[in-house]
Each structure stands twice: as structure tokens, then as C-alpha cells.
Amino acid sequence: MSVNKDNTRLWMVPYADLMTVLVILFLSLYGFSFNIKKSDYEAAMARMQKELGVRGAAKKIEEIQAARQVEEDLKKQIREGNLGVEITTARIKLTFSSPVLFDSGSAELKDLGLAALGQVAKRLIKMENQVTVEGHTDAARMLGKKFSSNRQLSLMRSFSVIDYLIRSGVPPRRLTAFGYGEFRPLAPNDTEANRARNRRIEIIIMRQETNGEKKT
């Protein structure tokens, strides 16, 4: 007498093996993300996506490489705390301490600022992303100064940065300026150290997911 075997569930064995492999892979990636910089993790994922043929992966790699090159070019300013670099899926943000670029109460770029922005301009020329320049100040009153308000000062500083980037070869259509004055502080304006943090210029490079560009 023959016995009929039920083979309807044999597919579950390879399926379970596949799920086990995927769980191990994702757990490894999760642990990997805690042990390296966020930009390094994203770069690794982008390279993997490129190998798998995911659209937009090559663009992500180019953006991250450009940001890293800025970090390398301006490592002295980063080491001294005069420049911060932040990379997210939406943007690359370069934050310059105002004294690096401008004297107090002035919207004229200093020689040190020109040198720093020159390195940024070299990288921006090779990219197609939209760029926003934001000026920020502390809340100190501007008594007897050239500008009528902190917002006006911050906007004119943004214009100075954009004007230099244009003269360096960055297309004007990619650039936008904002001046927020004291209204977007990083810290309370209660100590000199906090006020220094609030005096800054932010150059924001919009990533491909948010700037409306066609993905490749």
C-alpha cells in the first residue's frame, strides 16, 4: 500500500531560509549604522543600490562625495569649530560661524571668508542641486550700525555670499537668499557663547529627493 506524501508545504523550507538571511542582513545593516558616520552609512547603502540598478543611487553618491570633499578642503575650519557639516536625506548643510566670513556689523566678506567660500564654490560648480543661503544673527540690538535691523544685516550677508558664488561660476538660477536675523536661534541669547552660535551663515544644498530634479 503506497503512502501519499503531502508536498504542498515544501516551499516553506527555502522561504524560511530566505527570511532568516534577510533578517541577518538587516540586523547587520542596523548595527553597521550605529558604528559609522551617517554619511558613510548612506554612501554604503547608495553603492549597494547602484549595484542593484536603483535609480538615483549614482546621484546620491555624487552628492555625498561632494560634501566629503568640502569637509576635506575645510578640515581646519571644522577642527576649530568654525564650520559644521550636516548630511541628511533631504539636504547637505554647511554652517559657517559669522566671524569666519564677516566682521561684526558688516556684510563685506573677509579674506578668510573668501578663501573658505572658494572651496565650497568649486564643489557647487560641479553639482546641479539648488542652493539656499541663510543669514542668522544673535538678538543684540544694532545701535548706531549701518543696517537698520538684524534681519537686514543677515539678508545682506546672504546676498554677499551669493554674489561671490555667482562670480565664482555657480549659476544664479540655482541660488536663493534668506535673512532671518535673530528669529531662528540655535540657542538662547543669554550668554556670549550662545550668541556666538546664533551668528552664522548656512549654505543648504538640496538633495535630489526634494529639489524636483529628474532622477537618473
C-alpha atoms as a PDB file:
ATOM      1  CA  MET A   1       0.000   0.000   0.000  1.00  0.00           C
ATOM      2  CA  SER A   2       1.521   3.306  -1.060  1.00  0.00           C
ATOM      3  CA  VAL A   3       1.532   6.373   1.138  1.00  0.00           C
ATOM      4  CA  ASN A   4       0.858   9.758  -0.499  1.00  0.00           C
ATOM      5  CA  LYS A   5       3.129  12.468   0.886  1.00  0.00           C
ATOM      6  CA  ASP A   6       1.802  15.984   1.290  1.00  0.00           C
ATOM      7  CA  ASN A   7       4.232  18.206  -0.665  1.00  0.00           C
ATOM      8  CA  THR A   8       2.113  21.342  -0.573  1.00  0.00           C
ATOM      9  CA  ARG A   9       4.196  22.919   2.183  1.00  0.00           C
ATOM     10  CA  LEU A  10       7.677  22.112   0.969  1.00  0.00           C
ATOM     11  CA  TRP A  11       8.053  25.721  -0.266  1.00  0.00           C
ATOM     12  CA  MET A  12       8.137  26.874   3.361  1.00  0.00           C
ATOM     13  CA  VAL A  13      11.642  25.450   3.911  1.00  0.00           C
ATOM     14  CA  PRO A  14      13.506  27.653   1.373  1.00  0.00           C
ATOM     15  CA  TYR A  15      11.201  30.543   2.246  1.00  0.00           C
ATOM     16  CA  ALA A  16      12.179  30.292   5.913  1.00  0.00           C
ATOM     17  CA  ASP A  17      15.865  30.152   4.935  1.00  0.00           C
ATOM     18  CA  LEU A  18      15.446  33.289   2.822  1.00  0.00           C
ATOM     19  CA  MET A  19      13.703  35.141   5.650  1.00  0.00           C
ATOM     20  CA  THR A  20      16.489  34.151   8.042  1.00  0.00           C
ATOM     21  CA  VAL A  21      19.135  35.512   5.663  1.00  0.00           C
ATOM     22  CA  LEU A  22      17.214  38.785   5.219  1.00  0.00           C
ATOM     23  CA  VAL A  23      16.786  39.236   8.977  1.00  0.00           C
ATOM     24  CA  ILE A  24      20.524  38.717   9.492  1.00  0.00           C
ATOM     25  CA  LEU A  25      21.272  41.199   6.673  1.00  0.00           C
ATOM     26  CA  PHE A  26      19.016  43.929   8.069  1.00  0.00           C
ATOM     27  CA  LEU A  27      20.267  43.411  11.624  1.00  0.00           C
ATOM     28  CA  SER A  28      23.829  43.699  10.334  1.00  0.00           C
ATOM     29  CA  LEU A  29      22.998  46.922   8.488  1.00  0.00           C
ATOM     30  CA  TYR A  30      21.253  48.291  11.579  1.00  0.00           C
ATOM     31  CA  GLY A  31      24.297  47.614  13.732  1.00  0.00           C
ATOM     32  CA  PHE A  32      26.566  48.944  11.000  1.00  0.00           C
ATOM     33  CA  SER A  33      24.682  52.260  11.009  1.00  0.00           C
ATOM     34  CA  PHE A  34      25.486  52.823  14.705  1.00  0.00           C
ATOM     35  CA  ASN A  35      29.202  52.302  14.265  1.00  0.00           C
ATOM     36  CA  ILE A  36      29.894  54.747  11.424  1.00  0.00           C
ATOM     37  CA  LYS A  37      29.010  58.298  10.434  1.00  0.00           C
ATOM     38  CA  LYS A  38      25.553  58.731   8.957  1.00  0.00           C
ATOM     39  CA  SER A  39      27.054  59.935   5.669  1.00  0.00           C
ATOM     40  CA  ASP A  40      29.259  56.820   5.485  1.00  0.00           C
ATOM     41  CA  TYR A  41      26.240  54.614   6.087  1.00  0.00           C
ATOM     42  CA  GLU A  42      24.227  56.377   3.398  1.00  0.00           C
ATOM     43  CA  ALA A  43      27.161  56.135   0.982  1.00  0.00           C
ATOM     44  CA  ALA A  44      27.413  52.402   1.597  1.00  0.00           C
ATOM     45  CA  MET A  45      23.688  51.977   1.003  1.00  0.00           C
ATOM     46  CA  ALA A  46      23.859  54.112  -2.147  1.00  0.00           C
ATOM     47  CA  ARG A  47      26.679  51.975  -3.543  1.00  0.00           C
ATOM     48  CA  MET A  48      24.629  48.869  -2.850  1.00  0.00           C
ATOM     49  CA  GLN A  49      21.609  50.451  -4.571  1.00  0.00           C
ATOM     50  CA  LYS A  50      23.757  51.382  -7.558  1.00  0.00           C
ATOM     51  CA  GLU A  51      24.899  47.776  -7.919  1.00  0.00           C
ATOM     52  CA  LEU A  52      21.247  46.709  -7.830  1.00  0.00           C
ATOM     53  CA  GLY A  53      20.343  49.248 -10.519  1.00  0.00           C
ATOM     54  CA  VAL A  54      18.247  51.547  -8.291  1.00  0.00           C
ATOM     55  CA  ARG A  55      17.522  54.879  -9.972  1.00  0.00           C
ATOM     56  CA  GLY A  56      19.081  57.903  -8.311  1.00  0.00           C
ATOM     57  CA  ALA A  57      21.804  55.943  -6.492  1.00  0.00           C
ATOM     58  CA  ALA A  58      24.615  57.396  -8.619  1.00  0.00           C
ATOM     59  CA  LYS A  59      23.336  60.911  -7.883  1.00  0.00           C
ATOM     60  CA  LYS A  60      23.360  60.218  -4.138  1.00  0.00           C
ATOM     61  CA  ILE A  61      26.961  59.046  -4.347  1.00  0.00           C
ATOM     62  CA  GLU A  62      27.976  62.218  -6.210  1.00  0.00           C
ATOM     63  CA  GLU A  63      26.303  64.421  -3.600  1.00  0.00           C
ATOM     64  CA  ILE A  64      27.945  62.645  -0.669  1.00  0.00           C
ATOM     65  CA  GLN A  65      31.349  62.733  -2.354  1.00  0.00           C
ATOM     66  CA  ALA A  66      30.985  66.482  -2.920  1.00  0.00           C
ATOM     67  CA  ALA A  67      30.122  67.029   0.748  1.00  0.00           C
ATOM     68  CA  ARG A  68      33.076  64.930   1.857  1.00  0.00           C
ATOM     69  CA  GLN A  69      35.380  66.913  -0.397  1.00  0.00           C
ATOM     70  CA  VAL A  70      34.178  70.136   1.225  1.00  0.00           C
ATOM     71  CA  GLU A  71      34.938  68.559   4.614  1.00  0.00           C
ATOM     72  CA  GLU A  72      38.439  67.697   3.411  1.00  0.00           C
ATOM     73  CA  ASP A  73      39.038  71.125   1.871  1.00  0.00           C
ATOM     74  CA  LEU A  74      37.905  72.936   5.026  1.00  0.00           C
ATOM     75  CA  LYS A  75      39.023  70.490   7.713  1.00  0.00           C
ATOM     76  CA  LYS A  76      40.940  73.247   9.533  1.00  0.00           C
ATOM     77  CA  GLN A  77      37.743  75.299   9.961  1.00  0.00           C
ATOM     78  CA  ILE A  78      35.851  72.181  11.065  1.00  0.00           C
ATOM     79  CA  ARG A  79      38.549  71.273  13.575  1.00  0.00           C
ATOM     80  CA  GLU A  80      38.469  74.797  15.022  1.00  0.00           C
ATOM     81  CA  GLY A  81      34.664  74.741  15.303  1.00  0.00           C
ATOM     82  CA  ASN A  82      34.102  77.424  12.662  1.00  0.00           C
ATOM     83  CA  LEU A  83      32.295  75.132  10.219  1.00  0.00           C
ATOM     84  CA  GLY A  84      29.739  72.386  10.673  1.00  0.00           C
ATOM     85  CA  VAL A  85      28.681  69.866   8.021  1.00  0.00           C
ATOM     86  CA  GLU A  86      25.370  68.022   8.292  1.00  0.00           C
ATOM     87  CA  ILE A  87      24.187  65.447   5.738  1.00  0.00           C
ATOM     88  CA  THR A  88      20.604  64.169   5.707  1.00  0.00           C
ATOM     89  CA  THR A  89      18.437  62.541   3.060  1.00  0.00           C
ATOM     90  CA  ALA A  90      16.915  65.967   2.306  1.00  0.00           C
ATOM     91  CA  ARG A  91      19.934  68.264   2.309  1.00  0.00           C
ATOM     92  CA  ILE A  92      23.594  68.955   2.885  1.00  0.00           C
ATOM     93  CA  LYS A  93      24.021  71.883   5.283  1.00  0.00           C
ATOM     94  CA  LEU A  94      27.232  73.836   5.745  1.00  0.00           C
ATOM     95  CA  THR A  95      27.137  76.130   8.786  1.00  0.00           C
ATOM     96  CA  PHE A  96      29.775  78.858   8.941  1.00  0.00           C
ATOM     97  CA  SER A  97      30.382  80.866  12.093  1.00  0.00           C
ATOM     98  CA  SER A  98      29.831  84.508  11.104  1.00  0.00           C
ATOM     99  CA  PRO A  99      33.260  85.736  12.322  1.00  0.00           C
ATOM    100  CA  VAL A 100      34.875  83.446   9.722  1.00  0.00           C
ATOM    101  CA  LEU A 101      33.094  85.302   6.925  1.00  0.00           C
ATOM    102  CA  PHE A 102      32.305  88.793   8.266  1.00  0.00           C
ATOM    103  CA  ASP A 103      33.436  91.354  10.798  1.00  0.00           C
ATOM    104  CA  SER A 104      30.898  92.423  13.422  1.00  0.00           C
ATOM    105  CA  GLY A 105      28.100  94.520  11.928  1.00  0.00           C
ATOM    106  CA  SER A 106      29.488  94.134   8.392  1.00  0.00           C
ATOM    107  CA  ALA A 107      28.182  92.390   5.266  1.00  0.00           C
ATOM    108  CA  GLU A 108      31.504  92.559   3.434  1.00  0.00           C
ATOM    109  CA  LEU A 109      33.260  89.210   3.133  1.00  0.00           C
ATOM    110  CA  LYS A 110      36.655  88.916   4.822  1.00  0.00           C
ATOM    111  CA  ASP A 111      39.687  87.437   3.068  1.00  0.00           C
ATOM    112  CA  LEU A 112      39.396  84.334   5.259  1.00  0.00           C
ATOM    113  CA  GLY A 113      35.757  84.038   4.254  1.00  0.00           C
ATOM    114  CA  LEU A 114      36.586  84.352   0.565  1.00  0.00           C
ATOM    115  CA  ALA A 115      39.086  81.515   0.853  1.00  0.00           C
ATOM    116  CA  ALA A 116      36.575  79.258   2.613  1.00  0.00           C
ATOM    117  CA  LEU A 117      33.755  80.028   0.186  1.00  0.00           C
ATOM    118  CA  GLY A 118      36.100  79.469  -2.736  1.00  0.00           C
ATOM    119  CA  GLN A 119      36.443  75.827  -1.725  1.00  0.00           C
ATOM    120  CA  VAL A 120      32.652  75.498  -1.478  1.00  0.00           C
ATOM    121  CA  ALA A 121      32.145  77.169  -4.876  1.00  0.00           C
ATOM    122  CA  LYS A 122      34.497  74.691  -6.553  1.00  0.00           C
ATOM    123  CA  ARG A 123      32.254  71.824  -5.436  1.00  0.00           C
ATOM    124  CA  LEU A 124      28.961  73.571  -6.180  1.00  0.00           C
ATOM    125  CA  ILE A 125      30.001  74.275  -9.771  1.00  0.00           C
ATOM    126  CA  LYS A 126      30.195  70.525 -10.387  1.00  0.00           C
ATOM    127  CA  MET A 127      26.709  69.903  -8.987  1.00  0.00           C
ATOM    128  CA  GLU A 128      23.229  70.722 -10.301  1.00  0.00           C
ATOM    129  CA  ASN A 129      21.418  70.997  -6.961  1.00  0.00           C
ATOM    130  CA  GLN A 130      19.536  74.052  -5.768  1.00  0.00           C
ATOM    131  CA  VAL A 131      21.329  76.023  -3.054  1.00  0.00           C
ATOM    132  CA  THR A 132      19.862  78.241  -0.328  1.00  0.00           C
ATOM    133  CA  VAL A 133      21.987  80.696   1.663  1.00  0.00           C
ATOM    134  CA  GLU A 134      20.536  81.704   5.042  1.00  0.00           C
ATOM    135  CA  GLY A 135      21.837  84.501   7.250  1.00  0.00           C
ATOM    136  CA  HIS A 136      21.314  84.432  11.034  1.00  0.00           C
ATOM    137  CA  THR A 137      22.317  86.785  13.848  1.00  0.00           C
ATOM    138  CA  ASP A 138      22.047  86.991  17.610  1.00  0.00           C
ATOM    139  CA  ALA A 139      19.449  89.193  19.320  1.00  0.00           C
ATOM    140  CA  ALA A 140      21.774  92.069  20.247  1.00  0.00           C
ATOM    141  CA  ARG A 141      20.392  95.483  19.285  1.00  0.00           C
ATOM    142  CA  MET A 142      22.165  97.283  16.455  1.00  0.00           C
ATOM    143  CA  LEU A 143      22.737 100.746  17.883  1.00  0.00           C
ATOM    144  CA  GLY A 144      24.448 103.175  15.512  1.00  0.00           C
ATOM    145  CA  LYS A 145      25.196 100.482  12.965  1.00  0.00           C
ATOM    146  CA  LYS A 146      24.989 100.635   9.173  1.00  0.00           C
ATOM    147  CA  PHE A 147      21.934  98.375   8.987  1.00  0.00           C
ATOM    148  CA  SER A 148      18.541  99.168  10.457  1.00  0.00           C
ATOM    149  CA  SER A 149      17.885  95.670  11.831  1.00  0.00           C
ATOM    150  CA  ASN A 150      19.462  92.294  12.371  1.00  0.00           C
ATOM    151  CA  ARG A 151      17.234  90.865   9.645  1.00  0.00           C
ATOM    152  CA  GLN A 152      18.560  93.376   7.122  1.00  0.00           C
ATOM    153  CA  LEU A 153      22.140  92.580   8.144  1.00  0.00           C
ATOM    154  CA  SER A 154      21.549  88.844   7.826  1.00  0.00           C
ATOM    155  CA  LEU A 155      19.946  89.251   4.392  1.00  0.00           C
ATOM    156  CA  MET A 156      22.763  91.436   3.076  1.00  0.00           C
ATOM    157  CA  ARG A 157      25.284  88.875   4.288  1.00  0.00           C
ATOM    158  CA  SER A 158      23.388  86.178   2.392  1.00  0.00           C
ATOM    159  CA  PHE A 159      23.470  88.369  -0.728  1.00  0.00           C
ATOM    160  CA  SER A 160      27.226  88.836  -0.304  1.00  0.00           C
ATOM    161  CA  VAL A 161      27.738  85.068  -0.188  1.00  0.00           C
ATOM    162  CA  ILE A 162      25.528  84.511  -3.231  1.00  0.00           C
ATOM    163  CA  ASP A 163      27.251  87.286  -5.166  1.00  0.00           C
ATOM    164  CA  TYR A 164      30.614  85.649  -4.522  1.00  0.00           C
ATOM    165  CA  LEU A 165      29.331  82.214  -5.551  1.00  0.00           C
ATOM    166  CA  ILE A 166      27.974  83.677  -8.799  1.00  0.00           C
ATOM    167  CA  ARG A 167      31.273  85.416  -9.520  1.00  0.00           C
ATOM    168  CA  SER A 168      32.960  82.073  -8.882  1.00  0.00           C
ATOM    169  CA  GLY A 169      30.852  80.380 -11.558  1.00  0.00           C
ATOM    170  CA  VAL A 170      27.792  78.977  -9.761  1.00  0.00           C
ATOM    171  CA  PRO A 171      24.673  79.620 -11.942  1.00  0.00           C
ATOM    172  CA  PRO A 172      22.392  82.305 -10.396  1.00  0.00           C
ATOM    173  CA  ARG A 173      19.259  80.249 -11.143  1.00  0.00           C
ATOM    174  CA  ARG A 174      20.380  77.701  -8.531  1.00  0.00           C
ATOM    175  CA  LEU A 175      20.810  80.224  -5.706  1.00  0.00           C
ATOM    176  CA  THR A 176      18.320  81.689  -3.208  1.00  0.00           C
ATOM    177  CA  ALA A 177      18.982  84.050  -0.279  1.00  0.00           C
ATOM    178  CA  PHE A 178      17.153  84.449   3.028  1.00  0.00           C
ATOM    179  CA  GLY A 179      17.840  86.624   6.051  1.00  0.00           C
ATOM    180  CA  TYR A 180      16.258  85.543   9.330  1.00  0.00           C
ATOM    181  CA  GLY A 181      18.030  87.868  11.728  1.00  0.00           C
ATOM    182  CA  GLU A 182      17.619  86.696  15.302  1.00  0.00           C
ATOM    183  CA  PHE A 183      14.396  84.801  14.696  1.00  0.00           C
ATOM    184  CA  ARG A 184      15.809  81.284  14.187  1.00  0.00           C
ATOM    185  CA  PRO A 185      18.361  80.903  17.001  1.00  0.00           C
ATOM    186  CA  LEU A 186      20.244  77.693  17.710  1.00  0.00           C
ATOM    187  CA  ALA A 187      20.445  78.589  21.396  1.00  0.00           C
ATOM    188  CA  PRO A 188      19.002  81.144  23.834  1.00  0.00           C
ATOM    189  CA  ASN A 189      20.662  84.563  23.552  1.00  0.00           C
ATOM    190  CA  ASP A 190      21.561  84.550  27.241  1.00  0.00           C
ATOM    191  CA  THR A 191      25.335  84.048  27.121  1.00  0.00           C
ATOM    192  CA  GLU A 192      28.125  85.158  24.794  1.00  0.00           C
ATOM    193  CA  ALA A 193      28.812  81.545  23.831  1.00  0.00           C
ATOM    194  CA  ASN A 194      25.169  81.043  22.824  1.00  0.00           C
ATOM    195  CA  ARG A 195      25.051  84.340  20.946  1.00  0.00           C
ATOM    196  CA  ALA A 196      28.159  83.272  19.017  1.00  0.00           C
ATOM    197  CA  ARG A 197      26.386  80.060  17.974  1.00  0.00           C
ATOM    198  CA  ASN A 198      23.469  82.081  16.648  1.00  0.00           C
ATOM    199  CA  ARG A 199      25.672  84.313  14.481  1.00  0.00           C
ATOM    200  CA  ARG A 200      26.060  82.118  11.410  1.00  0.00           C
ATOM    201  CA  ILE A 201      25.639  81.595   7.680  1.00  0.00           C
ATOM    202  CA  GLU A 202      24.053  78.364   6.492  1.00  0.00           C
ATOM    203  CA  ILE A 203      24.589  77.100   2.945  1.00  0.00           C
ATOM    204  CA  ILE A 204      21.984  74.432   2.234  1.00  0.00           C
ATOM    205  CA  ILE A 205      22.372  72.131  -0.764  1.00  0.00           C
ATOM    206  CA  MET A 206      19.039  70.481  -1.508  1.00  0.00           C
ATOM    207  CA  ARG A 207      19.234  66.751  -2.195  1.00  0.00           C
ATOM    208  CA  GLN A 208      17.672  65.106  -5.256  1.00  0.00           C
ATOM    209  CA  GLU A 209      14.608  63.841  -3.360  1.00  0.00           C
ATOM    210  CA  THR A 210      13.420  67.393  -2.659  1.00  0.00           C
ATOM    211  CA  ASN A 211      14.686  69.662  -5.412  1.00  0.00           C
ATOM    212  CA  GLY A 212      12.400  68.353  -8.160  1.00  0.00           C
ATOM    213  CA  GLU A 213      15.177  67.097 -10.388  1.00  0.00           C
ATOM    214  CA  LYS A 214      14.573  64.112 -12.633  1.00  0.00           C
ATOM    215  CA  LYS A 215      16.184  61.043 -11.144  1.00  0.00           C
ATOM    216  CA  THR A 216      18.642  59.148 -13.274  1.00  0.00           C
END
